[in-house]
Amino acid sequence: MKLVTYTHGAIARPGLLVTDGEGSVVLDLIRSIAWVDGKKNAATSDERALAERFGDSVLGFIEHERDVRPLANEALAAHGRGELPAKVPAGAVVMPAADVTLLAPIPRPPSMRDGYAFRQHVETARRNRGLDMIPEFDQFPVFYFTNHQAVIGPGPLRVKPRHLDRLDFELEAAIVIGREGRDLTATNADEHIFGMTIMNDFSARALQMQEMLMSLGPAKGKDFATGLGPYLATMDELTDRTTKTPNGNAFDLGMRAFVNGVQVSTGNVKEMTWTFAQILERASYGVTLFPGDVIGSGTCGTGCFLELNGSKITKDQWLVPGDVVALEVDLLGRLENTVVAE
């Protein structure tokens, strides 16, 4: 199941992305389950009442998954049989994906952490700065909190002048928590993951390096935008690419980054030195994780210009207005953003 937040007018609504032989469509989640519920009860289900029960967002779906998901599965099955109506009195139910605007699947997560899980990225970035590999990297997974109120989806990345001083992308995957958990272990943490999406941790490197001289941060170098999307894939979508390990699940998902159509990065989620389960074990120690919380993997090896420039793969290349940066992860789609100067 692929969950999206979309607009087909002024209001953001939750939806289901479906790709078949005729292209991609978006099913309005609330109207779809209202139609299913109405058929089961032999009456027209009230969309507003369902939204009040289950929420009117992807986050609401996650929080009420046990009750909502069976209805959503029935709606998907009805669409596959050609039974789901294209429209109901309340509005459109089935829309061509090209006719809607996708936002981040969870536009305002309850919280957002970003990890530092790929050894290749850490080792190379430090070597390029003349530093030895930090031994603590192999002792425990680390993360930082980033701005959950500055999430963007596909589309424009609006930046201020100081952000454009060495503006960078970061090629990452991110998980979304599905159910509340505290003091998790690497052996049970995967049970608390609802789904996975692409993350682009946009970074203003000049601001970042300036503030981190004081051994604090990153803050202003990171807090202006983090890209998520284009959809949130439930974990069953990744079953064929999932391998159980003693330290939690590993995911064989190829990763690629493109700038203006030119591929600049390649990686794989399975190359994470620390698994998402291990990151969750650390993050939940003495702390409760809640449905909708987002945790990023950190940048994969070659996954940003900071690393590429330092390795002489690219030559002092940074993002500038008009650039189109696109991240692809197998089974998670393509997240594309265009840099726009405010």
Protein backbone atom coordinates (compact mmCIF):
# COMPACT_ATOMS: atom_id res chain seq x y z
CA MET A 1 0.00 0.00 0.00
CA LYS A 2 1.29 3.43 -0.99
CA LEU A 3 -0.10 6.34 1.03
CA VAL A 4 0.02 9.93 -0.18
CA THR A 5 -1.15 13.36 0.84
CA TYR A 6 -2.48 15.25 -2.15
CA THR A 7 -4.34 18.35 -3.21
CA HIS A 8 -6.94 18.44 -5.96
CA GLY A 9 -8.01 21.94 -5.11
CA ALA A 10 -7.24 23.85 -1.93
CA ILE A 11 -7.45 21.19 0.77
CA ALA A 12 -4.84 18.53 1.50
CA ARG A 13 -6.34 15.04 1.72
CA PRO A 14 -5.01 11.51 2.29
CA GLY A 15 -4.96 9.10 -0.61
CA LEU A 16 -3.78 5.77 -1.96
CA LEU A 17 -1.49 5.67 -4.98
CA VAL A 18 -2.25 2.83 -7.38
CA THR A 19 -0.21 1.98 -10.46
CA ASP A 20 -1.62 -0.43 -13.01
CA GLY A 21 -1.40 -1.08 -16.73
CA GLU A 22 -3.24 2.14 -17.54
CA GLY A 23 -1.00 4.41 -15.44
CA SER A 24 -1.15 5.79 -11.92
CA VAL A 25 -4.25 6.99 -10.10
CA VAL A 26 -4.90 8.36 -6.63
CA LEU A 27 -7.83 7.08 -4.61
CA ASP A 28 -9.18 9.52 -2.08
CA LEU A 29 -8.75 7.57 1.14
CA ILE A 30 -11.68 8.96 3.13
CA ARG A 31 -14.19 8.79 0.27
CA SER A 32 -13.00 5.30 -0.68
CA ILE A 33 -13.45 3.85 2.78
CA ALA A 34 -16.74 5.74 3.18
CA TRP A 35 -17.98 4.01 0.01
CA VAL A 36 -16.82 0.61 1.33
CA ASP A 37 -18.36 1.26 4.73
CA GLY A 38 -21.59 2.39 3.11
CA LYS A 39 -21.88 -0.82 1.09
CA LYS A 40 -21.26 -2.93 4.19
CA ASN A 41 -23.95 -1.07 6.09
CA ALA A 42 -26.31 -0.90 3.10
CA ALA A 43 -26.40 2.86 3.45
CA THR A 44 -24.36 5.86 2.47
CA SER A 45 -21.57 6.19 5.00
CA ASP A 46 -20.95 9.65 6.32
CA GLU A 47 -17.53 10.91 5.24
CA ARG A 48 -17.35 13.48 8.01
CA ALA A 49 -18.11 10.87 10.68
CA LEU A 50 -15.37 8.60 9.36
CA ALA A 51 -12.89 11.48 9.36
CA GLU A 52 -13.79 12.22 12.96
CA ARG A 53 -13.27 8.56 13.92
CA PHE A 54 -10.06 7.93 12.01
CA GLY A 55 -8.64 11.37 11.26
CA ASP A 56 -8.45 13.15 7.93
CA SER A 57 -4.76 12.52 7.21
CA VAL A 58 -2.17 9.82 6.60
CA LEU A 59 -1.15 10.26 10.22
CA GLY A 60 -4.72 9.41 11.25
CA PHE A 61 -4.53 6.27 9.11
CA ILE A 62 -1.33 5.23 10.90
CA GLU A 63 -2.80 5.92 14.34
CA HIS A 64 -5.95 3.90 13.52
CA GLU A 65 -4.38 1.33 11.19
CA ARG A 66 -6.05 -1.70 12.75
CA ASP A 67 -9.52 -0.33 11.99
CA VAL A 68 -8.84 1.60 8.79
CA ARG A 69 -6.55 -0.71 6.87
CA PRO A 70 -9.13 -3.46 6.25
CA LEU A 71 -11.44 -0.85 4.74
CA ALA A 72 -8.61 0.54 2.61
CA ASN A 73 -7.74 -2.97 1.40
CA GLU A 74 -11.35 -3.48 0.38
CA ALA A 75 -11.34 -0.16 -1.48
CA LEU A 76 -8.19 -1.18 -3.36
CA ALA A 77 -9.75 -4.53 -4.25
CA ALA A 78 -12.94 -2.82 -5.43
CA HIS A 79 -10.88 -0.49 -7.61
CA GLY A 80 -9.07 -3.49 -9.07
CA ARG A 81 -12.41 -5.03 -10.02
CA GLY A 82 -13.60 -1.77 -11.55
CA GLU A 83 -16.32 -1.29 -8.92
CA LEU A 84 -15.05 1.78 -7.06
CA PRO A 85 -16.88 4.84 -8.42
CA ALA A 86 -14.85 7.67 -9.91
CA LYS A 87 -16.97 10.18 -8.04
CA VAL A 88 -19.49 10.38 -5.21
CA PRO A 89 -21.66 13.35 -4.19
CA ALA A 90 -18.94 14.55 -1.81
CA GLY A 91 -16.37 14.74 -4.62
CA ALA A 92 -13.82 12.78 -6.64
CA VAL A 93 -12.82 9.28 -5.53
CA VAL A 94 -10.47 8.17 -8.32
CA MET A 95 -8.21 10.73 -10.00
CA PRO A 96 -5.35 10.43 -12.48
CA ALA A 97 -2.12 10.98 -10.56
CA ALA A 98 -1.15 13.62 -13.14
CA ASP A 99 -4.18 15.70 -12.10
CA VAL A 100 -3.26 16.00 -8.41
CA THR A 101 -0.39 17.65 -6.55
CA LEU A 102 1.49 15.41 -4.16
CA LEU A 103 2.69 16.83 -0.85
CA ALA A 104 4.88 15.02 1.67
CA PRO A 105 2.99 11.89 2.78
CA ILE A 106 3.09 13.20 6.37
CA PRO A 107 3.38 16.98 5.97
CA ARG A 108 3.85 17.62 9.71
CA PRO A 109 5.25 14.58 11.54
CA PRO A 110 5.01 14.56 15.34
CA SER A 111 8.82 14.50 15.43
CA MET A 112 11.70 13.87 13.04
CA ARG A 113 15.14 12.42 13.74
CA ASP A 114 17.94 11.80 11.25
CA GLY A 115 20.55 9.10 11.70
CA TYR A 116 24.20 8.75 10.72
CA ALA A 117 24.17 5.11 9.68
CA PHE A 118 26.35 4.76 6.55
CA ARG A 119 30.00 4.24 7.44
CA GLN A 120 31.19 5.02 3.89
CA HIS A 121 29.71 8.52 4.02
CA VAL A 122 31.11 9.27 7.48
CA GLU A 123 34.56 7.89 6.72
CA THR A 124 34.89 9.62 3.35
CA ALA A 125 33.58 12.98 4.55
CA ARG A 126 36.00 12.95 7.49
CA ARG A 127 38.94 11.89 5.32
CA ASN A 128 38.20 14.73 2.93
CA ARG A 129 38.51 17.11 5.89
CA GLY A 130 41.82 15.58 6.96
CA LEU A 131 40.29 13.71 9.91
CA ASP A 132 40.63 10.08 10.97
CA MET A 133 37.55 7.91 11.22
CA ILE A 134 35.90 8.57 14.57
CA PRO A 135 35.98 5.33 16.64
CA GLU A 136 32.71 6.12 18.43
CA PHE A 137 30.86 5.54 15.15
CA ASP A 138 31.19 1.79 15.68
CA GLN A 139 30.09 1.92 19.30
CA PHE A 140 26.52 3.17 18.98
CA PRO A 141 24.19 4.73 16.37
CA VAL A 142 23.64 8.48 16.64
CA PHE A 143 20.97 10.83 15.35
CA TYR A 144 19.87 14.42 15.69
CA PHE A 145 16.44 16.04 15.83
CA THR A 146 15.55 18.12 12.81
CA ASN A 147 12.69 20.50 12.11
CA HIS A 148 9.46 18.51 11.73
CA GLN A 149 7.66 21.76 10.85
CA ALA A 150 9.76 22.35 7.73
CA VAL A 151 8.88 19.22 5.75
CA ILE A 152 8.30 19.57 2.01
CA GLY A 153 7.17 17.08 -0.60
CA PRO A 154 7.80 16.99 -4.35
CA GLY A 155 7.96 20.41 -5.97
CA PRO A 156 9.72 23.68 -5.20
CA LEU A 157 12.46 23.99 -2.59
CA ARG A 158 12.28 27.64 -1.54
CA VAL A 159 15.50 28.96 -0.02
CA LYS A 160 16.88 32.24 1.30
CA PRO A 161 20.17 33.76 0.11
CA ARG A 162 22.30 32.32 2.94
CA HIS A 163 21.00 28.81 2.21
CA LEU A 164 22.50 29.10 -1.26
CA ASP A 165 26.04 29.27 0.16
CA ARG A 166 26.97 25.65 -0.62
CA LEU A 167 23.42 24.30 -0.78
CA ASP A 168 23.46 20.50 -0.76
CA PHE A 169 21.17 17.49 -1.04
CA GLU A 170 21.38 14.26 0.97
CA LEU A 171 20.21 10.92 -0.42
CA GLU A 172 18.42 9.00 2.35
CA ALA A 173 15.59 6.63 3.20
CA ALA A 174 13.38 7.16 6.24
CA ILE A 175 11.05 5.00 8.30
CA VAL A 176 7.80 6.05 9.94
CA ILE A 177 6.76 4.66 13.32
CA GLY A 178 3.50 2.72 13.28
CA ARG A 179 2.80 2.06 16.92
CA GLU A 180 3.90 3.47 20.23
CA GLY A 181 7.02 1.96 21.75
CA ARG A 182 9.56 2.60 24.47
CA ASP A 183 12.83 0.86 25.36
CA LEU A 184 12.72 -1.18 22.16
CA THR A 185 15.41 -3.69 21.24
CA ALA A 186 16.93 -4.47 17.86
CA THR A 187 15.07 -7.79 17.94
CA ASN A 188 11.59 -6.25 18.26
CA ALA A 189 11.93 -2.69 16.90
CA ASP A 190 11.03 -3.64 13.31
CA GLU A 191 7.54 -4.55 14.54
CA HIS A 192 6.99 -0.86 15.30
CA ILE A 193 7.79 0.38 11.77
CA PHE A 194 4.77 1.29 9.67
CA GLY A 195 6.46 2.16 6.39
CA MET A 196 9.33 3.74 4.50
CA THR A 197 9.78 6.77 2.26
CA ILE A 198 12.54 8.79 0.61
CA MET A 199 14.19 11.59 2.57
CA ASN A 200 16.23 14.51 1.22
CA ASP A 201 17.99 16.24 4.10
CA PHE A 202 18.68 19.58 2.42
CA SER A 203 21.76 21.22 3.91
CA ALA A 204 23.19 24.74 3.82
CA ARG A 205 26.82 23.75 4.33
CA ALA A 206 28.26 27.21 5.05
CA LEU A 207 25.73 27.78 7.84
CA GLN A 208 26.19 24.22 9.09
CA MET A 209 29.98 24.42 9.32
CA GLN A 210 29.85 27.84 10.95
CA GLU A 211 27.54 26.81 13.78
CA MET A 212 29.15 23.39 14.35
CA LEU A 213 32.46 25.07 15.22
CA MET A 214 30.77 25.59 18.59
CA SER A 215 30.18 21.83 18.97
CA LEU A 216 26.45 22.30 18.66
CA GLY A 217 24.08 21.67 15.81
CA PRO A 218 23.37 21.21 13.00
CA ALA A 219 20.60 23.76 13.36
CA LYS A 220 20.22 26.61 10.86
CA GLY A 221 22.18 24.58 8.33
CA LYS A 222 19.39 22.00 8.29
CA ASP A 223 16.16 23.44 9.69
CA PHE A 224 14.81 25.15 6.57
CA ALA A 225 13.62 22.10 4.57
CA THR A 226 13.57 18.32 4.60
CA GLY A 227 12.02 16.51 1.65
CA LEU A 228 9.81 13.44 2.18
CA GLY A 229 7.92 11.46 -0.45
CA PRO A 230 6.49 11.02 -2.93
CA TYR A 231 4.61 8.33 -1.01
CA LEU A 232 4.84 6.23 2.13
CA ALA A 233 5.13 2.52 1.34
CA THR A 234 3.88 0.10 3.98
CA MET A 235 6.46 -2.50 4.98
CA ASP A 236 4.66 -5.37 3.25
CA GLU A 237 5.50 -3.61 -0.05
CA LEU A 238 9.18 -4.32 0.73
CA THR A 239 8.90 -7.98 1.77
CA ASP A 240 10.80 -9.35 -1.23
CA ARG A 241 13.71 -6.98 -0.50
CA THR A 242 13.82 -7.58 3.27
CA THR A 243 16.36 -9.82 5.01
CA LYS A 244 16.22 -10.62 8.72
CA THR A 245 19.53 -10.25 10.55
CA PRO A 246 20.48 -10.57 14.23
CA ASN A 247 20.49 -6.76 14.37
CA GLY A 248 17.14 -6.21 12.68
CA ASN A 249 15.94 -6.14 9.10
CA ALA A 250 18.13 -5.09 6.18
CA PHE A 251 16.55 -3.72 3.00
CA ASP A 252 17.98 -4.29 -0.48
CA LEU A 253 16.81 -1.04 -2.06
CA GLY A 254 18.96 0.69 -4.64
CA MET A 255 19.40 4.45 -4.17
CA ARG A 256 20.20 7.06 -6.83
CA ALA A 257 20.46 10.86 -7.00
CA PHE A 258 20.26 13.03 -10.09
CA VAL A 259 20.91 16.74 -10.54
CA ASN A 260 19.51 18.22 -13.76
CA GLY A 261 19.15 14.71 -15.16
CA VAL A 262 22.75 13.68 -14.47
CA GLN A 263 23.25 10.85 -12.00
CA VAL A 264 25.67 11.89 -9.26
CA SER A 265 25.07 9.31 -6.50
CA THR A 266 24.39 5.63 -6.08
CA GLY A 267 23.93 3.47 -3.01
CA ASN A 268 21.75 0.87 -1.32
CA VAL A 269 19.76 0.94 1.92
CA LYS A 270 21.25 -2.47 2.83
CA GLU A 271 24.66 -0.76 3.15
CA MET A 272 23.60 0.91 6.41
CA THR A 273 26.17 -0.01 9.07
CA TRP A 274 23.51 0.45 11.73
CA THR A 275 20.06 -0.96 10.94
CA PHE A 276 16.89 1.02 11.49
CA ALA A 277 16.11 -1.41 14.32
CA GLN A 278 19.37 -0.52 16.06
CA ILE A 279 18.69 3.19 15.59
CA LEU A 280 15.24 2.68 17.12
CA GLU A 281 16.74 0.82 20.06
CA ARG A 282 18.94 3.83 20.75
CA ALA A 283 16.24 6.42 20.07
CA SER A 284 13.65 4.73 22.32
CA TYR A 285 15.92 4.25 25.33
CA GLY A 286 13.96 5.94 28.12
CA VAL A 287 11.84 7.70 25.48
CA THR A 288 8.49 6.87 23.89
CA LEU A 289 8.24 6.82 20.11
CA PHE A 290 4.83 7.67 18.69
CA PRO A 291 2.95 6.84 15.48
CA GLY A 292 4.06 9.12 12.68
CA ASP A 293 7.52 9.85 14.08
CA VAL A 294 10.06 9.92 11.22
CA ILE A 295 13.61 8.56 11.48
CA GLY A 296 16.05 9.04 8.59
CA SER A 297 18.92 6.74 7.69
CA GLY A 298 21.51 9.44 7.19
CA THR A 299 23.29 9.99 3.89
CA CYS A 300 24.43 6.98 1.93
CA GLY A 301 27.97 6.83 0.54
CA THR A 302 28.38 9.36 -2.34
CA GLY A 303 24.98 10.76 -1.33
CA CYS A 304 25.79 14.49 -1.20
CA PHE A 305 27.99 17.12 -2.84
CA LEU A 306 29.95 17.62 0.40
CA GLU A 307 31.34 14.12 -0.04
CA LEU A 308 31.47 14.16 -3.86
CA ASN A 309 33.36 17.46 -4.06
CA GLY A 310 35.84 16.39 -1.40
CA SER A 311 36.51 13.16 -3.31
CA LYS A 312 36.98 15.08 -6.59
CA ILE A 313 34.08 13.20 -8.18
CA THR A 314 32.44 16.58 -8.72
CA LYS A 315 34.24 19.92 -8.83
CA ASP A 316 32.93 22.44 -6.31
CA GLN A 317 29.36 21.72 -7.41
CA TRP A 318 26.46 22.91 -5.24
CA LEU A 319 22.76 23.40 -5.84
CA VAL A 320 21.74 26.71 -7.40
CA PRO A 321 18.35 28.23 -8.32
CA GLY A 322 16.76 26.36 -11.17
CA ASP A 323 18.50 23.07 -10.38
CA VAL A 324 16.30 19.98 -10.28
CA VAL A 325 17.41 17.36 -7.76
CA ALA A 326 15.73 13.95 -7.91
CA LEU A 327 16.20 11.07 -5.51
CA GLU A 328 15.14 7.54 -6.37
CA VAL A 329 14.92 4.52 -4.10
CA ASP A 330 13.72 1.14 -5.35
CA LEU A 331 10.04 0.55 -4.47
CA LEU A 332 9.82 4.03 -2.88
CA GLY A 333 9.50 6.09 -6.07
CA ARG A 334 11.15 9.34 -7.10
CA LEU A 335 11.27 12.54 -5.02
CA GLU A 336 11.95 15.57 -7.23
CA ASN A 337 12.52 19.16 -6.13
CA THR A 338 13.43 22.37 -7.95
CA VAL A 339 15.51 25.00 -6.18
CA VAL A 340 13.75 28.38 -6.04
CA ALA A 341 15.36 31.49 -4.57
CA GLU A 342 13.04 33.55 -2.39
